């Protein structure tokens, strides 16, 4: 196969391969490394027996991602504080016009689902990603993982049950979620504790990820009152210090805070029954590099009357 044809075939499948690797690993750099290694094996290996390039490339990518995932799980045991996936900007655009397909893609890459996937075994995660996110047949997944189809079906069943137990079991209208995100931002940036408590579910949680490289809670904060008070104490006046941008991240609206033109933090909420169920805050600088040039519109500003106390650039942990 000529080199230019090899490149064309690989580039045709690259977005899917990146999608598989990212959902398995939760980090774009790791996903890109895996896909690069798949490219080297694609161009440097014997392809005489390759009848279906897509299946071949998925098999290589999945096995490479499995190896890296096993290594990553060992490293995460020593990670400082809670671990969250690296956020990625998701603008499906006209390439995914169908509402059902768009919803499926957004759900499969959501922070909430990726967090649940962290609790699966590497094989369960691979099967879940290939089957649920990309719709691969069980037989093709069995070939990719060198397992029997019966074993893959068992892995898929266990993974699906586990994810269903841990994932949010509710649908949220995108417009409602965006509106709630804007109202939440207004209350938080203004230090409006009453406004925050009105938006937070009673059992709301706050998960902060800094990796020990920035100020963020080192434990999950639970309960509306504790979450509200933390946000009111640390976020008031943030829109005077940061350039805040509304960006679609992992299939849902999020707020990116730019400090001196560099991404310093990301905040995204999980919604249930019109209330904020979980607040995700990512401040690990290694995970924010992909948000260096966010294209979203400026986030709404809260009324000037809310502005008061000076704020520290780093909220206390």
Protein backbone atom coordinates (compact mmCIF):
# COMPACT_ATOMS: atom_id res chain seq x y z
CA UNK A 1 0.00 0.00 0.00
CA UNK A 2 1.58 3.36 -1.00
CA UNK A 3 2.62 5.70 1.81
CA UNK A 4 0.07 8.37 0.85
CA UNK A 5 -2.70 5.75 0.93
CA UNK A 6 -1.51 4.53 4.34
CA UNK A 7 -1.73 8.08 5.63
CA UNK A 8 -5.19 8.68 4.17
CA UNK A 9 -6.55 5.48 5.72
CA UNK A 10 -5.08 6.28 9.12
CA UNK A 11 -6.25 9.89 9.11
CA UNK A 12 -9.76 8.74 8.23
CA UNK A 13 -9.89 6.73 11.44
CA UNK A 14 -7.78 9.02 13.67
CA UNK A 15 -10.74 10.85 15.34
CA UNK A 16 -12.31 7.54 16.35
CA UNK A 17 -8.99 6.18 17.62
CA UNK A 18 -8.43 9.32 19.70
CA UNK A 19 -11.97 8.99 21.04
CA UNK A 20 -11.39 5.40 22.11
CA UNK A 21 -8.02 6.18 23.72
CA UNK A 22 -9.28 9.29 25.55
CA UNK A 23 -12.31 7.51 27.01
CA UNK A 24 -10.06 4.73 28.23
CA UNK A 25 -7.32 6.93 29.66
CA UNK A 26 -8.95 10.25 30.60
CA UNK A 27 -5.97 12.29 29.37
CA UNK A 28 -5.52 13.77 25.92
CA UNK A 29 -1.71 13.56 26.03
CA UNK A 30 -1.85 9.84 26.80
CA UNK A 31 -4.48 9.34 24.10
CA UNK A 32 -2.35 11.16 21.54
CA UNK A 33 0.71 9.11 22.51
CA UNK A 34 -1.25 5.89 22.05
CA UNK A 35 -2.54 6.96 18.63
CA UNK A 36 0.95 7.99 17.58
CA UNK A 37 2.26 4.56 18.55
CA UNK A 38 -0.61 2.98 16.61
CA UNK A 39 0.46 5.02 13.58
CA UNK A 40 4.03 3.73 13.86
CA UNK A 41 2.81 0.16 14.02
CA UNK A 42 0.44 0.77 11.12
CA UNK A 43 3.19 2.10 8.88
CA UNK A 44 5.96 -0.19 10.07
CA UNK A 45 4.18 -3.53 10.33
CA UNK A 46 3.23 -6.28 7.91
CA UNK A 47 -0.24 -5.47 6.58
CA UNK A 48 -0.46 -8.36 4.13
CA UNK A 49 -3.10 -10.07 6.29
CA UNK A 50 -5.03 -6.88 7.11
CA UNK A 51 -8.46 -7.15 5.48
CA UNK A 52 -10.21 -4.44 7.49
CA UNK A 53 -8.01 -1.45 8.43
CA UNK A 54 -10.51 -0.04 10.94
CA UNK A 55 -10.65 -3.26 12.96
CA UNK A 56 -6.87 -3.56 12.81
CA UNK A 57 -6.31 0.01 14.02
CA UNK A 58 -8.89 -0.30 16.79
CA UNK A 59 -7.24 -3.50 17.98
CA UNK A 60 -3.80 -1.87 18.12
CA UNK A 61 -5.11 1.29 19.81
CA UNK A 62 -7.14 -0.62 22.39
CA UNK A 63 -4.27 -2.89 23.39
CA UNK A 64 -1.85 0.03 23.66
CA UNK A 65 -4.38 1.96 25.74
CA UNK A 66 -4.87 -1.06 28.03
CA UNK A 67 -1.15 -1.24 28.70
CA UNK A 68 -0.98 2.46 29.47
CA UNK A 69 -4.14 2.34 31.60
CA UNK A 70 -2.66 -0.35 33.84
CA UNK A 71 0.42 1.82 34.36
CA UNK A 72 -1.69 4.92 34.99
CA UNK A 73 -3.79 3.20 37.65
CA UNK A 74 -0.64 2.49 39.64
CA UNK A 75 0.48 6.12 39.38
CA UNK A 76 -2.94 7.42 40.44
CA UNK A 77 -2.66 5.63 43.77
CA UNK A 78 -0.15 8.33 44.77
CA UNK A 79 -2.05 11.23 43.19
CA UNK A 80 -2.56 14.17 45.57
CA UNK A 81 -6.27 14.71 46.24
CA UNK A 82 -9.20 13.60 44.06
CA UNK A 83 -8.49 12.70 40.43
CA UNK A 84 -10.64 13.97 37.56
CA UNK A 85 -10.23 13.38 33.82
CA UNK A 86 -8.49 15.98 31.72
CA UNK A 87 -11.22 18.23 30.24
CA UNK A 88 -11.56 18.45 26.47
CA UNK A 89 -13.44 20.99 24.40
CA UNK A 90 -16.29 19.20 22.60
CA UNK A 91 -17.86 20.97 19.66
CA UNK A 92 -19.53 18.22 17.66
CA UNK A 93 -20.88 20.79 15.17
CA UNK A 94 -22.60 19.79 11.93
CA UNK A 95 -20.59 16.56 11.79
CA UNK A 96 -23.05 15.11 14.33
CA UNK A 97 -26.44 16.58 13.43
CA UNK A 98 -28.57 13.81 14.89
CA UNK A 99 -29.79 14.69 18.38
CA UNK A 100 -29.72 11.10 19.68
CA UNK A 101 -26.19 10.49 18.42
CA UNK A 102 -25.00 13.81 19.80
CA UNK A 103 -26.50 12.99 23.20
CA UNK A 104 -24.80 9.59 23.19
CA UNK A 105 -21.40 11.07 22.36
CA UNK A 106 -21.78 13.81 24.96
CA UNK A 107 -22.79 11.32 27.64
CA UNK A 108 -19.96 8.90 26.89
CA UNK A 109 -17.36 11.65 27.33
CA UNK A 110 -18.96 13.45 30.31
CA UNK A 111 -16.87 13.99 33.42
CA UNK A 112 -19.42 12.08 35.51
CA UNK A 113 -19.25 8.98 33.32
CA UNK A 114 -15.45 9.11 32.96
CA UNK A 115 -15.16 9.27 36.76
CA UNK A 116 -17.31 6.12 37.05
CA UNK A 117 -15.20 4.38 34.40
CA UNK A 118 -12.20 4.84 36.69
CA UNK A 119 -13.70 2.22 39.02
CA UNK A 120 -13.85 -0.46 36.29
CA UNK A 121 -11.11 -2.95 35.56
CA UNK A 122 -9.06 -2.11 32.46
CA UNK A 123 -10.76 -4.86 30.42
CA UNK A 124 -14.24 -3.80 31.57
CA UNK A 125 -13.47 -0.23 30.64
CA UNK A 126 -12.22 -1.22 27.20
CA UNK A 127 -15.32 -3.30 26.51
CA UNK A 128 -17.65 -0.57 27.76
CA UNK A 129 -16.00 2.11 25.63
CA UNK A 130 -15.96 0.03 22.46
CA UNK A 131 -19.51 -1.26 22.91
CA UNK A 132 -21.44 1.59 24.52
CA UNK A 133 -19.65 4.64 23.11
CA UNK A 134 -18.81 3.35 19.64
CA UNK A 135 -21.22 0.46 19.08
CA UNK A 136 -18.67 -2.16 18.06
CA UNK A 137 -20.05 -5.71 17.67
CA UNK A 138 -19.17 -8.16 20.43
CA UNK A 139 -17.28 -10.34 17.97
CA UNK A 140 -15.07 -7.46 16.88
CA UNK A 141 -14.38 -6.48 20.49
CA UNK A 142 -13.48 -10.10 21.28
CA UNK A 143 -10.93 -10.10 18.47
CA UNK A 144 -9.47 -6.76 19.60
CA UNK A 145 -9.03 -8.00 23.17
CA UNK A 146 -8.11 -11.59 22.33
CA UNK A 147 -11.04 -12.92 24.36
CA UNK A 148 -14.01 -15.12 23.53
CA UNK A 149 -17.25 -13.43 22.59
CA UNK A 150 -18.92 -15.01 25.63
CA UNK A 151 -16.29 -13.50 27.92
CA UNK A 152 -16.73 -10.09 26.29
CA UNK A 153 -20.49 -10.24 26.82
CA UNK A 154 -19.92 -10.99 30.50
CA UNK A 155 -17.47 -8.10 30.81
CA UNK A 156 -19.93 -5.81 29.04
CA UNK A 157 -22.75 -6.81 31.37
CA UNK A 158 -20.70 -6.19 34.52
CA UNK A 159 -19.39 -2.88 33.21
CA UNK A 160 -22.84 -1.68 32.16
CA UNK A 161 -24.39 -2.54 35.54
CA UNK A 162 -21.59 -0.80 37.41
CA UNK A 163 -21.78 2.33 35.27
CA UNK A 164 -25.57 2.49 35.55
CA UNK A 165 -25.26 2.31 39.34
CA UNK A 166 -22.78 5.16 39.47
CA UNK A 167 -23.71 7.46 36.59
CA UNK A 168 -26.34 10.23 36.80
CA UNK A 169 -29.74 8.67 36.00
CA UNK A 170 -31.48 11.66 34.60
CA UNK A 171 -31.72 13.67 31.44
CA UNK A 172 -31.00 17.38 31.47
CA UNK A 173 -32.13 19.76 28.78
CA UNK A 174 -28.98 21.50 27.44
CA UNK A 175 -30.62 24.93 27.61
CA UNK A 176 -31.63 24.31 31.23
CA UNK A 177 -28.11 23.20 32.13
CA UNK A 178 -26.57 26.26 30.50
CA UNK A 179 -29.01 28.56 32.29
CA UNK A 180 -28.29 26.89 35.63
CA UNK A 181 -24.54 27.14 34.96
CA UNK A 182 -24.85 30.88 34.37
CA UNK A 183 -26.96 31.40 37.49
CA UNK A 184 -24.57 29.29 39.54
CA UNK A 185 -21.62 31.33 38.26
CA UNK A 186 -23.37 34.58 39.10
CA UNK A 187 -24.04 33.44 42.67
CA UNK A 188 -20.55 32.01 43.20
CA UNK A 189 -18.65 34.95 41.72
CA UNK A 190 -20.68 37.32 43.85
CA UNK A 191 -20.15 35.37 47.06
CA UNK A 192 -23.95 35.03 47.29
CA UNK A 193 -24.36 32.20 49.80
CA UNK A 194 -28.15 32.42 49.74
CA UNK A 195 -28.20 32.23 45.97
CA UNK A 196 -25.85 29.23 46.01
CA UNK A 197 -27.94 27.36 48.58
CA UNK A 198 -31.03 27.93 46.47
CA UNK A 199 -29.30 26.23 43.53
CA UNK A 200 -27.50 23.38 45.32
CA UNK A 201 -29.17 20.03 45.98
CA UNK A 202 -29.19 19.10 49.70
CA UNK A 203 -26.66 16.32 49.09
CA UNK A 204 -24.50 18.33 46.68
CA UNK A 205 -20.81 17.47 46.39
CA UNK A 206 -17.73 19.41 45.31
CA UNK A 207 -14.78 17.57 43.77
CA UNK A 208 -11.56 19.53 43.27
CA UNK A 209 -8.57 18.29 41.29
CA UNK A 210 -5.26 20.09 41.69
CA UNK A 211 -2.78 17.21 41.78
CA UNK A 212 -1.06 19.13 44.56
CA UNK A 213 0.03 21.79 42.05
CA UNK A 214 -2.56 24.47 42.92
CA UNK A 215 -4.92 25.32 45.76
CA UNK A 216 -8.03 23.11 45.80
CA UNK A 217 -9.81 20.92 48.37
CA UNK A 218 -7.86 17.73 49.03
CA UNK A 219 -11.06 15.90 49.96
CA UNK A 220 -14.53 15.82 48.47
CA UNK A 221 -16.80 18.37 50.15
CA UNK A 222 -20.30 17.05 50.83
CA UNK A 223 -23.56 18.79 51.70
CA UNK A 224 -25.11 21.96 50.29
CA UNK A 225 -24.14 24.14 53.25
CA UNK A 226 -20.45 23.16 53.21
CA UNK A 227 -20.23 23.38 49.42
CA UNK A 228 -22.01 26.74 49.37
CA UNK A 229 -19.84 28.22 52.10
CA UNK A 230 -16.65 27.05 50.44
CA UNK A 231 -17.66 28.57 47.12
CA UNK A 232 -18.85 31.81 48.68
CA UNK A 233 -15.55 32.17 50.57
CA UNK A 234 -13.25 31.38 47.66
CA UNK A 235 -15.07 32.53 44.52
CA UNK A 236 -16.39 35.96 45.40
CA UNK A 237 -15.11 38.55 42.97
CA UNK A 238 -13.62 35.95 40.62
CA UNK A 239 -15.03 37.73 37.57
CA UNK A 240 -13.00 40.84 38.45
CA UNK A 241 -9.79 38.83 38.68
CA UNK A 242 -10.32 36.30 35.90
CA UNK A 243 -11.41 36.42 32.30
CA UNK A 244 -14.26 33.93 32.52
CA UNK A 245 -15.36 32.03 29.41
CA UNK A 246 -18.33 29.75 28.82
CA UNK A 247 -17.10 26.74 26.86
CA UNK A 248 -18.59 23.36 25.99
CA UNK A 249 -16.36 20.84 27.73
CA UNK A 250 -16.93 17.09 27.76
CA UNK A 251 -20.35 17.56 26.24
CA UNK A 252 -21.68 20.19 28.65
CA UNK A 253 -21.22 23.90 29.46
CA UNK A 254 -18.32 24.82 31.72
CA UNK A 255 -16.60 27.99 32.89
CA UNK A 256 -12.91 28.44 32.17
CA UNK A 257 -11.07 31.02 34.24
CA UNK A 258 -8.15 32.69 32.45
CA UNK A 259 -5.54 34.44 34.57
CA UNK A 260 -3.15 36.68 32.63
CA UNK A 261 -4.34 34.93 29.49
CA UNK A 262 -3.60 31.39 30.78
CA UNK A 263 -6.19 28.83 31.90
CA UNK A 264 -6.12 28.69 35.69
CA UNK A 265 -9.28 26.76 36.51
CA UNK A 266 -12.32 25.03 35.10
CA UNK A 267 -15.69 24.69 36.80
CA UNK A 268 -18.50 22.44 35.62
CA UNK A 269 -21.71 21.41 37.34
CA UNK A 270 -23.75 18.22 37.28
CA UNK A 271 -27.49 18.84 37.34
CA UNK A 272 -30.43 16.82 38.66
CA UNK A 273 -34.05 17.94 38.93
CA UNK A 274 -33.11 21.56 38.36
CA UNK A 275 -30.51 21.63 41.15
CA UNK A 276 -26.73 21.42 41.22
CA UNK A 277 -25.81 17.89 42.26
CA UNK A 278 -22.04 18.07 41.90
CA UNK A 279 -19.45 20.78 41.27
CA UNK A 280 -16.24 19.80 39.50
CA UNK A 281 -13.25 22.14 39.84
CA UNK A 282 -10.05 21.37 37.93
CA UNK A 283 -6.96 23.43 38.77
CA UNK A 284 -4.13 21.05 37.95
CA UNK A 285 -2.26 23.13 35.34
CA UNK A 286 -1.18 19.97 33.49
CA UNK A 287 -4.83 19.25 32.72
CA UNK A 288 -5.73 22.74 31.49
CA UNK A 289 -3.27 23.17 28.64
CA UNK A 290 -5.90 22.13 26.08
CA UNK A 291 -8.03 25.11 27.14
CA UNK A 292 -5.37 27.72 26.42
CA UNK A 293 -7.44 29.41 23.71
CA UNK A 294 -11.11 28.88 24.59
CA UNK A 295 -13.51 30.09 21.91
CA UNK A 296 -16.56 30.46 24.10
CA UNK A 297 -18.30 33.75 24.88
CA UNK A 298 -17.53 35.72 28.03
CA UNK A 299 -19.35 34.36 31.04
CA UNK A 300 -22.12 36.55 32.51
CA UNK A 301 -21.10 39.06 35.13
CA UNK A 302 -22.84 39.43 38.44
CA UNK A 303 -24.24 42.82 39.49
CA UNK A 304 -21.64 45.33 40.69
CA UNK A 305 -23.38 45.54 44.05
CA UNK A 306 -22.26 42.00 44.79
CA UNK A 307 -18.60 42.84 44.49
CA UNK A 308 -16.88 43.28 47.78
CA UNK A 309 -13.97 41.61 49.45
CA UNK A 310 -10.64 41.24 47.74
CA UNK A 311 -9.87 37.68 46.77
CA UNK A 312 -6.74 35.61 46.77
CA UNK A 313 -5.59 34.24 43.45
CA UNK A 314 -5.46 30.77 45.01
CA UNK A 315 -8.51 29.62 47.01
CA UNK A 316 -7.55 27.86 50.23
CA UNK A 317 -7.53 24.08 50.26
